[in-house]
């Protein structure tokens, strides 16, 4: 798959490799949002665009500016209102529109905001596929001449969206369960209220109401301090599972019935098996950071595992090229062919509930054996001054003696006993390390310690 380098640094510092993200109003404000709308219209030439926004206090003003930029460029706007990112993806392939823009900064602090962009059929726009060109046009305050001003209408896609995501499971197969759900005061709460009416589940709701001031902190369940409330509630209420989302709910994180946080890596294998039951022999896409558990489960289930560079745009690009049924990243992004190859934070937990219902097993019983067979370090981030030099040093120490090396995303080194991936961050001088072994936690700790010594010294 493509390993092309990202385009040169964009002229506006709120433009990142995959999206727009910046502090309000220093890096992003209503006027810049207007110019971004004009630039999107000039570069993409759409007739109609769907837009939505998250719960951040700055989002309504950013939406007004974005909409004005589109409308003044002669583009019609379908406003789907307060929503999660995947609802904009859904609108982009479900409605008769030529693209979609979601106003969100996901799990960034409350004083940040941003945008995620797609073309028709929810095809993502990244730095490699037009985002930096949009940045250049916005910096120049360029717009296209419009004969007529566009029109804006409010569109309610929720009924169709709910029907669509419920189509991934058999409601009749679902048994009554008690679930702890933590929306983090983000956008997931209203969707869960609608799903509650159609599912045989009892929901224990935490931080449920959307609140852009984030009274309980930034909605990022990957932070250990944010996991405890969900874990405790699962144990206290004797729930079957816990679910937590980030702010725009394009990622969901699961806790077993003991309140144990389950690494996204192990959920990828479960979902791959479920999707292969629907599409026997299908291709399954995974990222390079951790692979052994996924490859073994996919192969045993009759599927074809294929590696892609990390990052949602690369995963989606690979999925489209391979017509893969499902793709999963250890970071809890899960992609589905029938969702126009886009990622969803709602479909995964529904599928896991169906797996639990059909198997009669608990979530811990489904993943504990896999965790013991392929223990992992978890992603360890280290700030370094020269990431390339550190990777070169690691390769000189570990990349010999018959070790297999792969450069799909950073450096991956595999032996018969252990495997690791070390890669650079797209946005800061940070190296991200992931290590896995085969049933050997002592070796896992040893290799991880040796690698961290090289990285941090």
Protein backbone atom coordinates (compact mmCIF):
# COMPACT_ATOMS: atom_id res chain seq x y z
CA UNK A 1 0.00 0.00 0.00
CA UNK A 2 1.02 3.60 -0.44
CA UNK A 3 3.91 4.83 1.64
CA UNK A 4 4.06 8.23 -0.01
CA UNK A 5 5.38 11.07 2.07
CA UNK A 6 3.07 13.77 3.34
CA UNK A 7 3.03 17.06 1.49
CA UNK A 8 5.13 19.95 2.73
CA UNK A 9 4.09 21.77 5.89
CA UNK A 10 0.80 23.65 5.37
CA UNK A 11 0.72 27.46 5.64
CA UNK A 12 -1.71 27.42 8.59
CA UNK A 13 -0.57 25.66 11.77
CA UNK A 14 -4.02 24.32 12.61
CA UNK A 15 -3.82 22.02 9.57
CA UNK A 16 -2.42 18.61 10.55
CA UNK A 17 -1.74 15.43 8.57
CA UNK A 18 -5.35 14.19 8.76
CA UNK A 19 -7.49 17.12 9.91
CA UNK A 20 -7.69 20.63 11.28
CA UNK A 21 -7.05 21.04 14.98
CA UNK A 22 -6.13 24.18 16.91
CA UNK A 23 -6.67 26.41 19.89
CA UNK A 24 -9.65 28.79 19.73
CA UNK A 25 -9.39 31.65 18.87
CA UNK A 26 -5.59 31.79 18.46
CA UNK A 27 -5.31 29.11 15.75
CA UNK A 28 -8.93 28.71 14.65
CA UNK A 29 -11.83 31.14 14.74
CA UNK A 30 -15.07 31.93 12.92
CA UNK A 31 -13.38 33.94 10.17
CA UNK A 32 -10.81 31.23 9.42
CA UNK A 33 -13.65 28.71 9.37
CA UNK A 34 -15.33 30.84 6.70
CA UNK A 35 -12.14 30.89 4.64
CA UNK A 36 -11.79 27.11 5.05
CA UNK A 37 -15.35 26.69 3.75
CA UNK A 38 -14.50 28.81 0.72
CA UNK A 39 -11.27 26.88 0.13
CA UNK A 40 -13.04 23.51 0.39
CA UNK A 41 -15.61 24.70 -2.16
CA UNK A 42 -12.91 25.95 -4.53
CA UNK A 43 -10.79 22.79 -4.30
CA UNK A 44 -13.54 20.13 -4.24
CA UNK A 45 -16.20 21.90 -6.39
CA UNK A 46 -19.14 20.32 -4.55
CA UNK A 47 -22.78 21.10 -5.16
CA UNK A 48 -23.93 20.09 -1.69
CA UNK A 49 -22.05 19.33 1.55
CA UNK A 50 -23.18 17.85 4.87
CA UNK A 51 -21.84 19.53 8.01
CA UNK A 52 -22.14 18.65 11.70
CA UNK A 53 -20.54 19.73 14.95
CA UNK A 54 -19.62 18.39 18.38
CA UNK A 55 -20.48 19.68 21.85
CA UNK A 56 -17.63 22.18 22.24
CA UNK A 57 -18.74 25.64 23.24
CA UNK A 58 -16.97 27.15 20.23
CA UNK A 59 -18.57 24.75 17.73
CA UNK A 60 -21.75 26.76 16.86
CA UNK A 61 -19.70 29.83 15.88
CA UNK A 62 -17.20 27.73 13.91
CA UNK A 63 -20.16 26.10 12.14
CA UNK A 64 -21.61 29.50 11.25
CA UNK A 65 -18.33 30.60 9.72
CA UNK A 66 -17.86 27.33 7.82
CA UNK A 67 -21.42 27.40 6.50
CA UNK A 68 -21.05 31.02 5.36
CA UNK A 69 -17.90 30.12 3.42
CA UNK A 70 -19.71 27.30 1.66
CA UNK A 71 -22.94 29.21 1.04
CA UNK A 72 -21.15 32.28 -0.34
CA UNK A 73 -19.38 29.94 -2.76
CA UNK A 74 -22.68 28.68 -4.13
CA UNK A 75 -22.65 25.38 -2.21
CA UNK A 76 -25.82 24.02 -0.64
CA UNK A 77 -25.44 22.84 2.96
CA UNK A 78 -27.17 19.96 4.73
CA UNK A 79 -26.86 20.81 8.43
CA UNK A 80 -27.16 17.62 10.50
CA UNK A 81 -26.61 19.51 13.77
CA UNK A 82 -24.97 18.26 16.96
CA UNK A 83 -23.55 14.83 16.19
CA UNK A 84 -20.62 12.43 16.25
CA UNK A 85 -18.04 12.24 13.47
CA UNK A 86 -19.42 8.99 12.09
CA UNK A 87 -22.80 10.66 11.57
CA UNK A 88 -21.12 13.05 9.11
CA UNK A 89 -19.50 10.02 7.41
CA UNK A 90 -22.94 8.41 7.24
CA UNK A 91 -24.50 11.57 5.80
CA UNK A 92 -21.74 11.75 3.19
CA UNK A 93 -22.61 8.34 1.75
CA UNK A 94 -26.31 8.17 2.66
CA UNK A 95 -27.50 11.57 1.48
CA UNK A 96 -27.11 12.93 -2.04
CA UNK A 97 -24.15 15.14 -1.16
CA UNK A 98 -20.65 15.63 -2.51
CA UNK A 99 -18.79 15.69 0.78
CA UNK A 100 -18.92 16.25 4.51
CA UNK A 101 -17.21 18.33 7.18
CA UNK A 102 -17.30 17.55 10.90
CA UNK A 103 -16.43 20.29 13.40
CA UNK A 104 -14.65 18.56 16.27
CA UNK A 105 -11.39 18.35 18.19
CA UNK A 106 -12.21 14.84 19.43
CA UNK A 107 -10.34 14.31 22.73
CA UNK A 108 -8.35 17.57 22.74
CA UNK A 109 -8.82 20.09 25.59
CA UNK A 110 -11.99 22.17 25.76
CA UNK A 111 -10.37 25.30 24.30
CA UNK A 112 -9.50 23.47 21.07
CA UNK A 113 -11.62 22.82 18.01
CA UNK A 114 -11.06 21.50 14.51
CA UNK A 115 -12.51 19.87 11.40
CA UNK A 116 -12.46 16.51 9.63
CA UNK A 117 -13.10 16.45 5.89
CA UNK A 118 -14.44 13.85 3.45
CA UNK A 119 -15.42 13.81 -0.21
CA UNK A 120 -18.37 11.97 -1.71
CA UNK A 121 -19.04 8.52 -0.22
CA UNK A 122 -17.05 9.54 2.87
CA UNK A 123 -13.67 9.30 1.11
CA UNK A 124 -11.25 11.01 3.52
CA UNK A 125 -9.21 14.10 2.69
CA UNK A 126 -5.73 14.15 4.23
CA UNK A 127 -2.48 16.01 3.70
CA UNK A 128 -1.69 13.60 0.87
CA UNK A 129 -5.07 13.96 -0.84
CA UNK A 130 -5.93 17.65 -0.85
CA UNK A 131 -6.02 18.92 2.73
CA UNK A 132 -2.87 21.02 2.44
CA UNK A 133 -4.11 22.47 -0.86
CA UNK A 134 -7.23 23.58 1.02
CA UNK A 135 -4.94 25.09 3.66
CA UNK A 136 -3.06 27.08 1.03
CA UNK A 137 -6.29 28.42 -0.49
CA UNK A 138 -7.62 29.36 2.97
CA UNK A 139 -4.36 31.16 3.81
CA UNK A 140 -4.70 33.17 0.60
CA UNK A 141 -8.39 33.87 1.37
CA UNK A 142 -9.33 32.59 -2.07
CA UNK A 143 -12.86 31.69 -3.11
CA UNK A 144 -14.72 30.75 -6.23
CA UNK A 145 -17.13 33.02 -8.05
CA UNK A 146 -20.69 31.94 -7.41
CA UNK A 147 -23.62 32.91 -9.62
CA UNK A 148 -26.11 32.08 -6.90
CA UNK A 149 -25.72 31.80 -3.14
CA UNK A 150 -26.19 28.32 -1.74
CA UNK A 151 -29.08 27.33 0.51
CA UNK A 152 -28.96 25.58 3.89
CA UNK A 153 -31.45 23.10 5.32
CA UNK A 154 -31.59 21.22 8.60
CA UNK A 155 -31.58 17.47 7.96
CA UNK A 156 -32.40 14.82 10.57
CA UNK A 157 -30.43 11.70 9.69
CA UNK A 158 -30.78 10.06 13.11
CA UNK A 159 -33.60 7.60 12.30
CA UNK A 160 -31.75 6.29 9.25
CA UNK A 161 -28.43 6.25 11.11
CA UNK A 162 -29.91 4.20 13.97
CA UNK A 163 -31.47 1.76 11.50
CA UNK A 164 -28.14 1.41 9.72
CA UNK A 165 -25.95 0.62 12.72
CA UNK A 166 -28.54 -1.81 14.11
CA UNK A 167 -28.30 -3.62 10.76
CA UNK A 168 -24.89 -4.99 11.82
CA UNK A 169 -26.46 -7.22 14.47
CA UNK A 170 -29.48 -9.50 14.78
CA UNK A 171 -31.65 -7.83 17.44
CA UNK A 172 -33.39 -11.15 18.09
CA UNK A 173 -30.07 -12.73 19.05
CA UNK A 174 -29.31 -10.11 21.70
CA UNK A 175 -29.96 -11.18 25.29
CA UNK A 176 -30.72 -8.78 28.14
CA UNK A 177 -27.54 -7.30 29.55
CA UNK A 178 -26.49 -4.59 31.96
CA UNK A 179 -24.01 -2.14 30.41
CA UNK A 180 -22.15 0.76 31.97
CA UNK A 181 -21.87 3.52 29.36
CA UNK A 182 -19.65 6.59 29.75
CA UNK A 183 -20.09 9.31 27.12
CA UNK A 184 -17.51 11.58 28.78
CA UNK A 185 -20.00 14.47 28.38
CA UNK A 186 -19.41 14.16 24.64
CA UNK A 187 -21.78 13.42 21.78
CA UNK A 188 -22.53 9.73 22.40
CA UNK A 189 -25.29 10.24 24.98
CA UNK A 190 -28.16 11.21 22.63
CA UNK A 191 -27.42 8.27 20.33
CA UNK A 192 -27.44 5.85 23.25
CA UNK A 193 -30.80 7.24 24.39
CA UNK A 194 -32.24 6.38 20.97
CA UNK A 195 -30.65 2.93 20.89
CA UNK A 196 -31.91 2.22 24.41
CA UNK A 197 -35.47 2.15 23.10
CA UNK A 198 -34.66 -0.66 20.66
CA UNK A 199 -32.28 -2.88 22.61
CA UNK A 200 -32.81 -5.34 25.50
CA UNK A 201 -30.09 -3.68 27.56
CA UNK A 202 -30.13 -1.81 30.84
CA UNK A 203 -27.78 1.18 30.67
CA UNK A 204 -25.95 2.59 33.68
CA UNK A 205 -25.21 6.10 32.39
CA UNK A 206 -22.09 8.03 33.42
CA UNK A 207 -21.15 11.57 32.34
CA UNK A 208 -24.06 11.21 29.97
CA UNK A 209 -25.18 14.74 29.19
CA UNK A 210 -23.36 16.59 26.39
CA UNK A 211 -21.39 19.45 27.94
CA UNK A 212 -18.73 21.34 26.01
CA UNK A 213 -17.15 22.67 29.19
CA UNK A 214 -16.09 19.08 29.97
CA UNK A 215 -16.93 19.22 33.71
CA UNK A 216 -15.35 15.80 34.22
CA UNK A 217 -12.23 16.44 32.15
CA UNK A 218 -11.26 15.78 28.56
CA UNK A 219 -13.22 12.79 27.14
CA UNK A 220 -10.23 10.54 26.42
CA UNK A 221 -10.72 7.01 27.81
CA UNK A 222 -7.13 6.11 26.93
CA UNK A 223 -5.95 8.21 29.88
CA UNK A 224 -5.69 5.89 32.92
CA UNK A 225 -7.22 8.54 35.20
CA UNK A 226 -10.32 8.58 32.97
CA UNK A 227 -10.81 4.81 33.06
CA UNK A 228 -11.38 4.41 36.79
CA UNK A 229 -14.93 5.74 36.94
CA UNK A 230 -16.11 3.29 34.28
CA UNK A 231 -14.18 0.37 35.78
CA UNK A 232 -15.56 1.02 39.27
CA UNK A 233 -19.14 1.33 38.01
CA UNK A 234 -18.90 -2.01 36.18
CA UNK A 235 -17.89 -3.75 39.41
CA UNK A 236 -20.35 -1.82 41.58
CA UNK A 237 -23.35 -2.55 39.34
CA UNK A 238 -22.20 -6.08 38.43
CA UNK A 239 -22.48 -5.13 34.79
CA UNK A 240 -21.74 -7.39 31.85
CA UNK A 241 -19.50 -4.82 30.17
CA UNK A 242 -18.42 -1.19 30.24
CA UNK A 243 -18.21 1.14 27.24
CA UNK A 244 -16.54 4.56 27.07
CA UNK A 245 -16.19 6.95 24.12
CA UNK A 246 -14.07 9.91 23.19
CA UNK A 247 -15.75 13.26 22.54
CA UNK A 248 -16.92 12.66 18.96
CA UNK A 249 -17.46 8.91 19.61
CA UNK A 250 -15.54 7.63 16.60
CA UNK A 251 -13.70 5.36 19.05
CA UNK A 252 -15.17 3.15 21.76
CA UNK A 253 -13.25 1.46 24.57
CA UNK A 254 -14.42 -1.66 26.35
CA UNK A 255 -14.16 -2.97 29.91
CA UNK A 256 -14.92 -6.58 30.82
CA UNK A 257 -17.29 -7.67 33.58
CA UNK A 258 -14.45 -7.36 36.12
CA UNK A 259 -13.87 -3.72 35.20
CA UNK A 260 -10.63 -4.52 33.36
CA UNK A 261 -9.79 -2.18 30.48
CA UNK A 262 -9.37 -4.23 27.28
CA UNK A 263 -6.66 -3.04 24.88
CA UNK A 264 -8.15 -2.22 21.46
CA UNK A 265 -5.72 -4.71 19.88
CA UNK A 266 -7.63 -7.70 21.29
CA UNK A 267 -10.98 -6.31 20.17
CA UNK A 268 -9.71 -6.22 16.56
CA UNK A 269 -9.41 -10.01 16.53
CA UNK A 270 -12.92 -10.48 17.96
CA UNK A 271 -14.51 -8.15 15.41
CA UNK A 272 -12.52 -9.72 12.56
CA UNK A 273 -13.96 -13.12 13.46
CA UNK A 274 -17.47 -11.68 13.57
CA UNK A 275 -17.13 -10.02 10.18
CA UNK A 276 -15.64 -13.17 8.63
CA UNK A 277 -18.74 -15.09 9.66
CA UNK A 278 -20.70 -12.68 7.46
CA UNK A 279 -18.10 -12.56 4.67
CA UNK A 280 -16.19 -15.88 4.58
CA UNK A 281 -12.71 -15.59 3.14
CA UNK A 282 -12.75 -11.79 3.24
CA UNK A 283 -9.71 -9.57 3.59
CA UNK A 284 -9.10 -7.94 6.97
CA UNK A 285 -6.90 -4.86 7.33
CA UNK A 286 -4.73 -4.24 10.40
CA UNK A 287 -2.09 -1.70 11.37
CA UNK A 288 1.61 -2.61 11.91
CA UNK A 289 1.94 -1.77 15.59
CA UNK A 290 0.74 -5.13 16.96
CA UNK A 291 -0.17 -7.96 14.58
CA UNK A 292 0.38 -11.51 15.85
CA UNK A 293 -2.96 -12.01 17.61
CA UNK A 294 -4.94 -10.46 14.75
CA UNK A 295 -3.14 -12.46 12.05
CA UNK A 296 -3.63 -15.74 13.91
CA UNK A 297 -7.34 -15.17 14.55
CA UNK A 298 -8.04 -13.96 11.00
CA UNK A 299 -6.17 -16.87 9.41
CA UNK A 300 -7.89 -19.46 11.63
CA UNK A 301 -11.25 -17.94 10.68
CA UNK A 302 -10.44 -18.32 6.97
CA UNK A 303 -9.72 -14.66 6.29
CA UNK A 304 -6.77 -12.87 4.71
CA UNK A 305 -4.88 -10.43 6.99
CA UNK A 306 -3.36 -7.43 5.20
CA UNK A 307 -1.16 -4.79 6.81
CA UNK A 308 -1.69 -1.06 6.25
CA UNK A 309 0.14 2.00 7.46
CA UNK A 310 -1.40 3.40 10.66
CA UNK A 311 -3.83 6.31 10.43
CA UNK A 312 -7.45 6.39 9.39
CA UNK A 313 -6.84 7.75 5.88
CA UNK A 314 -4.29 5.01 5.10
CA UNK A 315 -6.53 2.30 6.59
CA UNK A 316 -9.51 3.47 4.54
CA UNK A 317 -7.41 3.72 1.38
CA UNK A 318 -6.16 0.15 1.85
CA UNK A 319 -9.64 -1.15 2.61
CA UNK A 320 -11.06 0.37 -0.56
CA UNK A 321 -8.19 -0.97 -2.67
CA UNK A 322 -8.62 -4.49 -1.22
CA UNK A 323 -12.41 -4.37 -0.79
CA UNK A 324 -11.84 -5.54 2.77
CA UNK A 325 -14.81 -6.37 4.98
CA UNK A 326 -13.27 -4.88 8.12
CA UNK A 327 -10.21 -3.03 9.34
CA UNK A 328 -9.04 -2.42 12.87
CA UNK A 329 -6.35 -0.40 14.61
CA UNK A 330 -5.08 -1.05 18.12
CA UNK A 331 -5.99 2.60 18.87
CA UNK A 332 -9.69 1.56 18.80
CA UNK A 333 -10.53 2.77 15.31
CA UNK A 334 -12.71 0.14 13.62
CA UNK A 335 -13.62 0.38 9.92
CA UNK A 336 -16.45 -1.39 8.08
CA UNK A 337 -16.95 -1.93 4.38
CA UNK A 338 -20.72 -1.47 4.64
CA UNK A 339 -20.09 1.83 6.45
CA UNK A 340 -18.37 3.10 3.31
CA UNK A 341 -15.05 1.87 4.76
CA UNK A 342 -15.35 4.46 7.53
CA UNK A 343 -14.71 4.11 11.26
CA UNK A 344 -17.47 3.83 13.81
CA UNK A 345 -17.58 3.92 17.59
CA UNK A 346 -21.11 2.48 17.73
CA UNK A 347 -20.92 -0.62 15.54
CA UNK A 348 -18.07 -2.32 17.50
CA UNK A 349 -19.75 -2.53 20.90
CA UNK A 350 -22.98 -3.72 19.29
CA UNK A 351 -21.07 -6.54 17.59
CA UNK A 352 -19.36 -7.49 20.86
CA UNK A 353 -22.75 -7.63 22.59
CA UNK A 354 -23.97 -10.00 19.90
CA UNK A 355 -20.84 -12.15 20.32
CA UNK A 356 -21.48 -12.32 24.09
CA UNK A 357 -25.15 -13.14 23.51
CA UNK A 358 -24.51 -15.93 21.01
CA UNK A 359 -21.56 -17.50 22.83
CA UNK A 360 -22.91 -17.26 26.35
CA UNK A 361 -19.41 -16.27 27.42
CA UNK A 362 -18.20 -13.27 29.34
CA UNK A 363 -15.92 -10.74 27.71
CA UNK A 364 -13.02 -11.72 29.99
CA UNK A 365 -13.38 -15.33 28.84
CA UNK A 366 -13.14 -14.24 25.21
CA UNK A 367 -10.00 -12.13 25.59
CA UNK A 368 -7.99 -13.47 28.52
CA UNK A 369 -6.60 -16.40 26.57
CA UNK A 370 -5.57 -14.11 23.73
CA UNK A 371 -3.92 -11.70 26.16
CA UNK A 372 -1.91 -14.55 27.68
CA UNK A 373 -0.96 -15.93 24.26
CA UNK A 374 0.19 -12.54 22.96
CA UNK A 375 1.03 -10.18 25.84
CA UNK A 376 1.78 -6.57 24.83
CA UNK A 377 3.56 -3.57 26.30
CA UNK A 378 0.81 -1.09 25.49
CA UNK A 379 1.85 1.95 23.48
CA UNK A 380 4.72 3.79 25.19
CA UNK A 381 5.43 7.35 24.04
CA UNK A 382 8.83 8.99 24.48
CA UNK A 383 9.81 12.55 23.57
CA UNK A 384 13.13 12.59 21.71
CA UNK A 385 15.11 15.30 19.92
CA UNK A 386 16.02 13.25 16.83
CA UNK A 387 13.51 10.44 16.18
CA UNK A 388 15.20 9.27 12.95
CA UNK A 389 18.56 8.84 14.67
CA UNK A 390 16.98 6.81 17.46
CA UNK A 391 15.19 4.51 15.00
CA UNK A 392 18.48 4.02 13.13
CA UNK A 393 20.20 3.10 16.40
CA UNK A 394 17.45 0.60 17.29
CA UNK A 395 17.77 -1.04 13.89
CA UNK A 396 21.53 -1.35 14.29
CA UNK A 397 21.06 -3.16 17.62
CA UNK A 398 18.01 -5.34 16.90
CA UNK A 399 17.85 -5.63 13.11
CA UNK A 400 20.33 -8.47 12.63
CA UNK A 401 20.74 -12.19 13.30
CA UNK A 402 17.94 -13.25 11.02
CA UNK A 403 15.38 -10.78 12.37
CA UNK A 404 12.68 -9.77 9.88
CA UNK A 405 12.35 -6.04 9.26
CA UNK A 406 9.43 -4.09 7.84
CA UNK A 407 9.13 -0.38 7.08
CA UNK A 408 5.41 -0.09 6.39
CA UNK A 409 5.09 2.42 9.23
CA UNK A 410 8.26 3.24 11.10
CA UNK A 411 10.40 0.18 11.90
CA UNK A 412 9.02 -3.25 12.76
CA UNK A 413 11.38 -6.03 13.83
CA UNK A 414 10.22 -9.64 14.26
CA UNK A 415 11.90 -12.76 15.62
CA UNK A 416 10.33 -16.09 16.53
CA UNK A 417 9.91 -14.93 20.15
CA UNK A 418 9.19 -11.21 20.07
CA UNK A 419 8.14 -8.39 17.79
CA UNK A 420 8.13 -4.60 18.10
CA UNK A 421 7.18 -1.51 16.13
CA UNK A 422 8.63 1.94 16.71
CA UNK A 423 7.23 4.87 14.76
CA UNK A 424 7.30 8.65 14.74
CA UNK A 425 4.36 10.83 15.71
CA UNK A 426 2.90 12.87 12.87
CA UNK A 427 2.62 16.01 14.98
CA UNK A 428 5.43 16.10 17.58
CA UNK A 429 8.98 14.80 18.24
CA UNK A 430 7.70 11.64 19.89
CA UNK A 431 8.44 7.97 19.27
CA UNK A 432 5.66 5.44 19.84
CA UNK A 433 6.74 1.95 20.88
CA UNK A 434 4.71 -1.28 20.90
CA UNK A 435 6.14 -4.67 21.85
CA UNK A 436 4.57 -8.15 21.78
CA UNK A 437 5.77 -11.66 22.60
CA UNK A 438 4.44 -15.20 22.48
CA UNK A 439 3.30 -16.29 25.95
CA UNK A 440 6.34 -14.72 27.59
CA UNK A 441 5.75 -11.72 29.83
CA UNK A 442 9.26 -11.82 31.23
CA UNK A 443 10.73 -11.49 27.74
CA UNK A 444 8.20 -8.74 27.01
CA UNK A 445 9.46 -6.73 29.97
CA UNK A 446 13.10 -7.39 29.05
CA UNK A 447 12.79 -6.32 25.40
CA UNK A 448 10.68 -3.31 26.31
CA UNK A 449 13.25 -2.16 28.89
CA UNK A 450 16.12 -2.56 26.40
CA UNK A 451 14.27 -0.58 23.76
CA UNK A 452 13.33 2.21 26.16
CA UNK A 453 16.94 2.48 27.27
CA UNK A 454 17.98 3.03 23.65
CA UNK A 455 15.16 5.50 23.05
CA UNK A 456 15.55 7.57 26.19
CA UNK A 457 19.32 7.62 26.41
